[in-house]
Protein backbone atom coordinates (compact mmCIF):
# COMPACT_ATOMS: atom_id res chain seq x y z
CA MET A 1 109.75 16.32 -21.38
CA GLY A 2 109.98 19.53 -19.75
CA ASP A 3 113.08 20.66 -21.81
CA LYS A 4 111.35 19.66 -25.21
CA ARG A 5 108.37 21.90 -24.29
CA LYS A 6 110.57 24.78 -23.46
CA ASP A 7 112.38 24.38 -26.73
CA LYS A 8 109.05 24.59 -28.64
CA THR A 9 108.12 27.85 -26.77
CA PRO A 10 108.79 30.84 -29.12
CA ASP A 11 111.47 33.33 -28.05
CA LEU A 12 109.60 36.64 -27.45
CA ALA A 13 112.58 38.64 -28.91
CA THR A 14 112.41 36.55 -32.11
CA ILE A 15 108.71 37.19 -32.38
CA ARG A 16 109.11 40.89 -32.00
CA GLN A 17 111.90 40.83 -34.55
CA HIS A 18 109.49 38.91 -36.95
CA ILE A 19 106.93 41.44 -36.46
CA ASP A 20 109.19 44.41 -37.20
CA ASP A 21 110.18 42.62 -40.51
CA ILE A 22 106.53 42.14 -41.41
CA ASP A 23 105.97 45.86 -40.55
CA GLU A 24 108.76 46.89 -42.65
CA ARG A 25 107.52 44.99 -45.71
CA ILE A 26 103.99 46.10 -45.24
CA GLN A 27 105.15 49.71 -45.17
CA LYS A 28 107.11 49.35 -48.44
CA LEU A 29 104.27 47.89 -50.10
CA ILE A 30 101.98 50.76 -49.15
CA SER A 31 104.40 53.19 -50.24
CA GLU A 32 104.65 51.31 -53.69
CA ARG A 33 100.82 51.34 -53.82
CA ALA A 34 100.69 55.09 -53.14
CA ARG A 35 103.15 55.61 -56.07
CA VAL A 36 101.30 53.55 -58.41
CA ALA A 37 98.00 55.26 -57.36
CA HIS A 38 99.88 58.69 -58.19
CA ASP A 39 100.92 57.26 -61.57
CA VAL A 40 97.17 56.39 -62.39
CA GLY A 41 96.44 60.03 -61.73
CA VAL A 42 99.14 61.13 -63.84
CA SER A 43 97.76 59.07 -66.57
CA LYS A 44 94.48 60.65 -66.70
CA GLY A 45 96.06 64.01 -67.32
CA LYS A 46 95.07 67.23 -65.65
CA LEU A 47 91.77 66.87 -64.14
CA ALA A 48 89.48 69.47 -62.60
CA SER A 49 89.45 68.10 -58.98
CA ALA A 50 89.85 64.98 -56.51
CA VAL A 51 86.25 63.75 -57.71
CA ASP A 52 87.43 63.32 -61.20
CA TYR A 53 89.84 60.63 -59.96
CA TYR A 54 87.69 58.81 -57.76
CA ARG A 55 85.90 55.84 -58.88
CA PRO A 56 83.28 54.30 -56.45
CA GLU A 57 82.46 51.45 -58.75
CA ARG A 58 86.24 50.48 -58.91
CA GLU A 59 86.85 50.86 -55.00
CA ALA A 60 83.85 48.52 -54.34
CA ASP A 61 85.10 45.81 -56.51
CA VAL A 62 88.64 46.06 -54.83
CA LEU A 63 86.93 45.89 -51.37
CA ARG A 64 84.81 43.03 -52.32
CA ARG A 65 87.88 41.10 -53.34
CA VAL A 66 89.59 42.00 -50.26
CA GLN A 67 86.53 40.53 -48.47
CA GLN A 68 86.76 37.19 -50.56
CA ARG A 69 90.39 36.64 -50.07
CA ASN A 70 90.16 37.33 -45.99
CA GLU A 71 90.94 34.00 -44.04
CA GLY A 72 91.22 35.55 -40.77
CA PRO A 73 92.22 36.00 -37.95
CA LEU A 74 90.89 39.57 -38.54
CA ARG A 75 87.32 40.04 -39.12
CA ASP A 76 86.06 41.15 -42.63
CA GLU A 77 84.95 44.54 -41.06
CA GLU A 78 88.36 45.17 -39.97
CA MET A 79 90.31 43.94 -42.96
CA LEU A 80 88.00 46.30 -45.06
CA ARG A 81 88.54 49.28 -42.78
CA LEU A 82 92.31 48.84 -43.26
CA PHE A 83 91.96 48.83 -46.91
CA ARG A 84 89.47 51.74 -46.91
CA GLU A 85 92.12 53.77 -45.10
CA ILE A 86 94.80 53.03 -47.35
CA MET A 87 92.99 53.79 -50.56
CA SER A 88 91.74 56.96 -48.83
CA ALA A 89 95.24 57.91 -48.28
CA CYS A 90 96.51 57.01 -51.59
CA LEU A 91 93.58 59.11 -53.27
CA ALA A 92 94.29 62.15 -51.16
CA GLN A 93 97.73 62.62 -52.91
CA GLN A 94 95.71 64.33 -55.73
CA GLU A 95 93.44 66.10 -53.49
CA PRO A 96 91.15 65.17 -50.42
CA LEU A 97 87.63 64.49 -51.43
CA LYS A 98 85.25 67.07 -49.83
CA ILE A 99 82.43 65.13 -48.15
CA GLY A 100 79.24 66.93 -46.73
CA PHE A 101 77.51 65.49 -43.66
CA LEU A 102 74.91 66.27 -41.32
CA GLY A 103 76.72 68.11 -38.51
CA PRO A 104 78.05 69.30 -36.07
CA GLU A 105 80.95 66.99 -35.43
CA GLY A 106 80.22 63.90 -33.59
CA THR A 107 76.99 62.64 -35.25
CA PHE A 108 76.52 59.15 -36.67
CA THR A 109 76.77 60.66 -40.12
CA GLN A 110 80.27 61.80 -39.62
CA THR A 111 81.08 58.15 -38.52
CA ALA A 112 79.40 56.91 -41.68
CA VAL A 113 81.57 59.33 -43.72
CA PHE A 114 84.79 57.93 -42.37
CA LYS A 115 83.39 54.23 -42.75
CA HIS A 116 83.03 54.80 -46.36
CA PHE A 117 85.54 57.10 -47.42
CA GLY A 118 88.14 56.59 -44.81
CA HIS A 119 89.85 59.52 -42.78
CA SER A 120 91.81 61.16 -45.60
CA VAL A 121 88.91 63.37 -46.58
CA ARG A 122 87.65 66.71 -45.77
CA ALA A 123 84.53 66.14 -43.82
CA LEU A 124 82.38 69.25 -44.04
CA PRO A 125 79.43 69.57 -41.47
CA PHE A 126 76.12 71.13 -42.56
CA HIS A 127 73.14 72.02 -40.45
CA THR A 128 70.41 70.40 -42.62
CA ILE A 129 70.03 67.58 -45.29
CA ASP A 130 68.70 70.44 -47.72
CA GLU A 131 72.06 72.13 -47.21
CA ILE A 132 73.98 68.99 -47.86
CA PHE A 133 72.04 68.50 -51.21
CA GLN A 134 72.57 72.25 -52.18
CA GLU A 135 76.30 72.13 -51.60
CA VAL A 136 76.77 69.05 -53.31
CA GLU A 137 74.78 70.47 -56.49
CA SER A 138 77.05 73.50 -56.39
CA GLY A 139 80.11 71.70 -56.51
CA ALA A 140 81.25 72.96 -52.98
CA ALA A 141 81.22 69.40 -51.81
CA ASP A 142 82.20 66.36 -53.92
CA PHE A 143 79.63 64.05 -52.27
CA GLY A 144 77.25 64.35 -49.36
CA VAL A 145 76.15 61.49 -46.94
CA VAL A 146 72.64 61.49 -45.68
CA PRO A 147 70.52 59.05 -43.59
CA ILE A 148 67.84 57.33 -45.36
CA GLU A 149 66.33 54.84 -42.81
CA ASN A 150 66.86 53.23 -39.66
CA SER A 151 65.93 49.74 -38.85
CA THR A 152 63.99 50.59 -35.83
CA GLU A 153 62.33 53.99 -36.62
CA GLY A 154 61.80 53.56 -40.51
CA SER A 155 62.56 56.06 -43.23
CA VAL A 156 64.07 59.54 -43.17
CA ASN A 157 61.23 61.47 -45.02
CA ASN A 158 63.34 64.66 -45.62
CA THR A 159 65.96 62.70 -47.36
CA LEU A 160 63.33 61.13 -49.77
CA ASP A 161 61.65 64.36 -50.40
CA MET A 162 64.90 65.95 -51.55
CA PHE A 163 65.12 63.55 -54.53
CA LEU A 164 61.80 64.88 -55.87
CA THR A 165 63.47 68.08 -57.03
CA SER A 166 67.18 67.46 -56.78
CA PRO A 167 69.47 66.52 -59.95
CA LEU A 168 71.73 64.48 -57.55
CA LYS A 169 72.44 60.78 -58.03
CA ILE A 170 72.88 57.93 -55.36
CA SER A 171 76.57 56.98 -55.41
CA GLY A 172 76.65 54.45 -52.77
CA GLU A 173 75.13 53.19 -49.28
CA ILE A 174 76.48 52.71 -45.91
CA GLU A 175 75.10 50.59 -43.26
CA LEU A 176 76.30 51.64 -39.78
CA ARG A 177 75.54 49.47 -36.64
CA ILE A 178 74.17 52.33 -34.23
CA GLU A 179 75.43 52.23 -30.69
CA GLN A 180 73.60 54.84 -28.41
CA HIS A 181 75.33 55.73 -25.23
CA LEU A 182 74.22 57.94 -22.47
CA LEU A 183 76.76 60.85 -22.11
CA GLY A 184 77.28 63.53 -19.54
CA SER A 185 79.55 65.14 -16.98
CA GLU A 186 77.36 64.30 -14.02
CA LYS A 187 78.69 61.40 -11.72
CA GLY A 188 75.35 59.71 -11.17
CA LEU A 189 72.07 59.08 -12.98
CA ASP A 190 70.26 60.87 -10.22
CA LYS A 191 71.76 64.15 -10.93
CA ILE A 192 70.19 64.04 -14.64
CA GLU A 193 67.43 66.53 -15.09
CA ARG A 194 67.11 66.39 -18.67
CA ILE A 195 68.21 64.62 -21.70
CA CYS A 196 69.03 66.19 -25.11
CA ALA A 197 69.14 64.22 -28.17
CA HIS A 198 67.85 63.88 -31.78
CA GLU A 199 64.23 62.59 -31.86
CA GLN A 200 65.41 59.41 -33.67
CA SER A 201 67.80 58.44 -30.71
CA LEU A 202 65.19 59.29 -28.22
CA ALA A 203 62.72 56.98 -29.82
CA GLN A 204 65.32 54.15 -30.30
CA CYS A 205 66.07 54.16 -26.46
CA ARG A 206 62.61 55.04 -25.37
CA GLY A 207 62.30 51.64 -23.55
CA TRP A 208 65.59 52.03 -21.54
CA LEU A 209 64.59 55.66 -20.65
CA ARG A 210 61.19 54.80 -19.55
CA GLU A 211 62.52 51.98 -17.45
CA ASN A 212 65.70 53.98 -15.77
CA LEU A 213 64.92 57.45 -16.14
CA PRO A 214 61.07 57.68 -16.19
CA HIS A 215 60.95 61.21 -14.58
CA VAL A 216 63.74 62.96 -16.59
CA GLU A 217 62.74 65.64 -19.33
CA LEU A 218 63.40 64.57 -22.89
CA ILE A 219 64.12 67.36 -25.26
CA GLY A 220 64.43 66.75 -28.94
CA VAL A 221 67.34 68.81 -30.96
CA SER A 222 68.73 68.97 -34.30
CA SER A 223 71.33 66.56 -33.78
CA ASN A 224 73.03 64.34 -31.03
CA ALA A 225 75.99 66.53 -31.47
CA ALA A 226 73.96 69.51 -30.44
CA GLY A 227 72.62 67.49 -27.40
CA ALA A 228 76.41 66.60 -26.45
CA ARG A 229 77.20 70.33 -26.59
CA ARG A 230 74.29 71.12 -24.31
CA ALA A 231 75.38 68.26 -21.88
CA ARG A 232 78.98 69.69 -21.77
CA ASP A 233 77.68 73.20 -21.10
CA GLU A 234 74.54 72.76 -18.87
CA GLN A 235 74.54 71.24 -15.38
CA GLY A 236 72.02 68.50 -14.99
CA THR A 237 71.83 67.92 -18.85
CA ALA A 238 72.83 64.59 -20.42
CA ALA A 239 72.86 63.47 -24.02
CA ILE A 240 72.60 60.29 -26.09
CA GLY A 241 75.08 59.57 -28.89
CA PRO A 242 78.23 57.73 -30.27
CA ASP A 243 81.50 57.29 -28.46
CA VAL A 244 82.87 59.93 -31.06
CA ALA A 245 80.65 62.45 -29.52
CA ALA A 246 81.88 61.67 -25.93
CA ASP A 247 85.42 62.38 -27.31
CA VAL A 248 84.77 65.63 -29.02
CA TYR A 249 82.74 67.15 -26.44
CA GLU A 250 84.71 65.68 -23.46
CA LEU A 251 82.01 63.88 -21.75
CA GLU A 252 81.68 60.64 -19.97
CA ILE A 253 79.91 57.43 -21.13
CA LEU A 254 77.50 57.07 -18.14
CA VAL A 255 75.76 54.09 -19.56
CA SER A 256 76.76 52.12 -22.80
CA ASN A 257 74.45 50.76 -25.45
CA ILE A 258 70.88 51.80 -24.06
CA GLU A 259 69.26 51.30 -27.45
CA ASP A 260 66.32 49.05 -27.23
CA ARG A 261 67.36 46.82 -30.06
CA PRO A 262 70.81 45.26 -30.33
CA ASP A 263 70.51 45.00 -34.13
CA ASN A 264 69.65 48.74 -34.47
CA ALA A 265 71.22 50.06 -37.54
CA THR A 266 71.01 52.91 -39.96
CA ARG A 267 71.46 53.18 -43.64
CA PHE A 268 72.86 56.22 -45.24
CA LEU A 269 73.05 57.32 -48.99
CA VAL A 270 76.17 58.90 -50.64
CA VAL A 271 74.91 61.50 -52.96
CA GLY A 272 76.93 63.00 -56.02
CA ARG A 273 76.44 64.50 -59.38
CA ARG A 274 76.56 61.59 -61.83
CA LEU A 275 75.39 57.84 -62.49
CA LEU A 276 77.79 55.21 -61.97
CA THR A 277 78.74 52.50 -64.40
CA PRO A 278 78.34 48.67 -62.94
CA SER A 279 80.61 47.33 -60.11
CA GLY A 280 79.45 43.65 -60.28
CA ASN A 281 77.30 43.67 -57.35
CA ASP A 282 75.03 46.74 -57.51
CA LYS A 283 71.48 48.14 -56.30
CA THR A 284 69.11 50.55 -58.23
CA THR A 285 66.94 53.07 -56.87
CA LEU A 286 63.72 54.20 -58.74
CA LEU A 287 61.41 57.16 -58.16
CA VAL A 288 58.05 56.25 -60.02
CA SER A 289 54.45 57.29 -60.23
CA THR A 290 51.50 55.65 -61.78
CA SER A 291 50.12 56.92 -65.10
CA ASP A 292 47.96 59.93 -64.82
CA THR A 293 45.28 57.88 -66.60
CA ALA A 294 45.51 54.51 -64.50
CA SER A 295 42.77 54.17 -62.01
CA GLY A 296 41.10 51.33 -59.94
CA SER A 297 42.70 48.57 -57.93
CA GLY A 298 45.73 46.72 -59.02
CA VAL A 299 47.27 50.02 -60.46
CA LEU A 300 50.61 49.61 -58.51
CA PHE A 301 50.73 45.74 -59.11
CA SER A 302 50.47 46.50 -62.90
CA LEU A 303 53.04 49.21 -62.72
CA LEU A 304 55.66 46.79 -61.10
CA SER A 305 54.65 43.54 -62.76
CA PRO A 306 57.78 43.67 -65.23
CA LEU A 307 59.88 43.14 -62.00
CA ALA A 308 58.34 39.77 -61.33
CA GLU A 309 58.35 38.89 -65.03
CA HIS A 310 62.19 39.56 -65.46
CA GLY A 311 63.05 37.88 -61.99
CA ILE A 312 64.03 41.05 -60.19
CA SER A 313 64.30 41.33 -56.58
CA MET A 314 62.54 44.48 -54.82
CA THR A 315 64.29 45.03 -51.53
CA ARG A 316 62.23 48.17 -50.58
CA ILE A 317 59.42 50.35 -51.42
CA GLU A 318 58.25 53.61 -49.99
CA SER A 319 55.44 55.97 -50.80
CA ARG A 320 55.51 59.89 -50.41
CA PRO A 321 53.16 62.81 -51.32
CA SER A 322 54.03 63.87 -54.97
CA ARG A 323 53.66 67.60 -54.31
CA ARG A 324 52.00 67.70 -57.68
CA LYS A 325 48.38 67.45 -56.36
CA ASN A 326 46.58 66.30 -53.37
CA TRP A 327 46.38 62.68 -52.70
CA ASP A 328 48.96 61.99 -55.53
CA TYR A 329 51.92 59.60 -54.60
CA VAL A 330 55.27 58.69 -55.74
CA PHE A 331 57.08 55.65 -54.94
CA PHE A 332 60.79 55.13 -54.01
CA ILE A 333 61.99 51.45 -54.98
CA ASP A 334 65.27 49.68 -54.34
CA LEU A 335 65.99 46.77 -56.68
CA ASP A 336 68.99 44.32 -57.03
CA GLY A 337 71.06 44.88 -60.00
CA HIS A 338 72.19 47.82 -62.01
CA ALA A 339 70.01 49.92 -64.26
CA GLU A 340 72.41 49.43 -67.31
CA GLU A 341 72.39 45.76 -67.39
CA ALA A 342 70.03 42.90 -68.13
CA PRO A 343 67.53 41.69 -67.02
CA LEU A 344 66.83 44.93 -64.94
CA ARG A 345 67.43 47.16 -67.90
CA ASP A 346 64.50 45.42 -69.76
CA ALA A 347 62.21 45.49 -66.82
CA LEU A 348 62.98 49.29 -66.37
CA LYS A 349 61.95 50.01 -70.00
CA GLU A 350 58.43 48.47 -69.52
CA ILE A 351 58.00 50.25 -66.25
CA GLU A 352 58.96 53.66 -67.71
CA ALA A 353 56.37 53.17 -70.50
CA ARG A 354 53.57 52.64 -67.67
CA SER A 355 54.75 55.59 -65.61
CA SER A 356 53.77 59.17 -65.47
CA LEU A 357 56.96 59.96 -63.55
CA PHE A 358 60.16 57.81 -64.06
CA LYS A 359 63.65 58.56 -62.69
CA VAL A 360 66.67 56.37 -61.90
CA LEU A 361 67.98 57.98 -58.75
CA GLY A 362 71.08 55.71 -58.72
CA ALA A 363 72.66 52.60 -59.56
CA TYR A 364 75.53 52.02 -57.21
CA PRO A 365 77.61 49.30 -55.32
CA GLN A 366 75.86 47.42 -52.59
CA ALA A 367 76.98 48.11 -48.80
CA LEU A 368 79.81 45.96 -47.58
CA ALA A 369 80.55 45.23 -43.89
């Protein structure tokens, strides 16, 4: 019996040779894919820039099929990440996409850029959300990535307000699990005098901070990366942020995962200069306001009743001051479906007829893992 079991044990050298053979085949297939992707670019002729070759709708469809085919043992998230990087590298043969994000380096927004676009892009850090919109509008950046809401702290109002005047369209969404770490160069928590971090991160960790560092000064800064830079340069200062910030600013992770909720996540939007065609599994975002002549109770219900009549699911609604006059509000609404496809298309026609302001901010692929 002992000899038979030994015979069934795989030989390590044989296993390694098998892995080497698989790696060789994978590499050849990736090279073949890159050549075919290049041929696609050639078939489109001479286009102005990389953004003319990029089709988010097509990429979303490819990734959905990757997810559907996945039978393990790799998780969907890992398989999607691998294919995103392959597609990112293939597209960059023409020219890397230029993606604006809320900088500096080491922010969660930069992590969101790489999750959505892969690492074969030029990630351009900007100081404010307003600046990201301006650079995409001018063409200096092909797309921008901006935070829109956090599962714990709610909406990012600055991003919402930019859509009141900006001509940009939403081209995609990214959902990112937020893991907040306490970062610093000090060797113990008792050496920490102050913590510098973005207000959102401080709020997401307030319970842990209150329990473990109740006497430490909390300082809100423009970004977690700015806090990490101060932690690097100032004695007695710690920061809160992702592991990428620890790498960029050469800090130690003093305590991992100090966020109060383990399901803490942030949703980001990708903003670009055009509306997308349907991908097969889309979401539409509207900016609407009630009619100037409408008044009384039930006005908003009346405005949105076509959604129920056509069986449309509304996944989010948010109100903001319209900036047109006092006590006048607009509504940002997320809907399942694409604005150009029935039944949503028919419902939107009815809503537009009842609105004083109606704008499709984007119809874009729903986020994957």
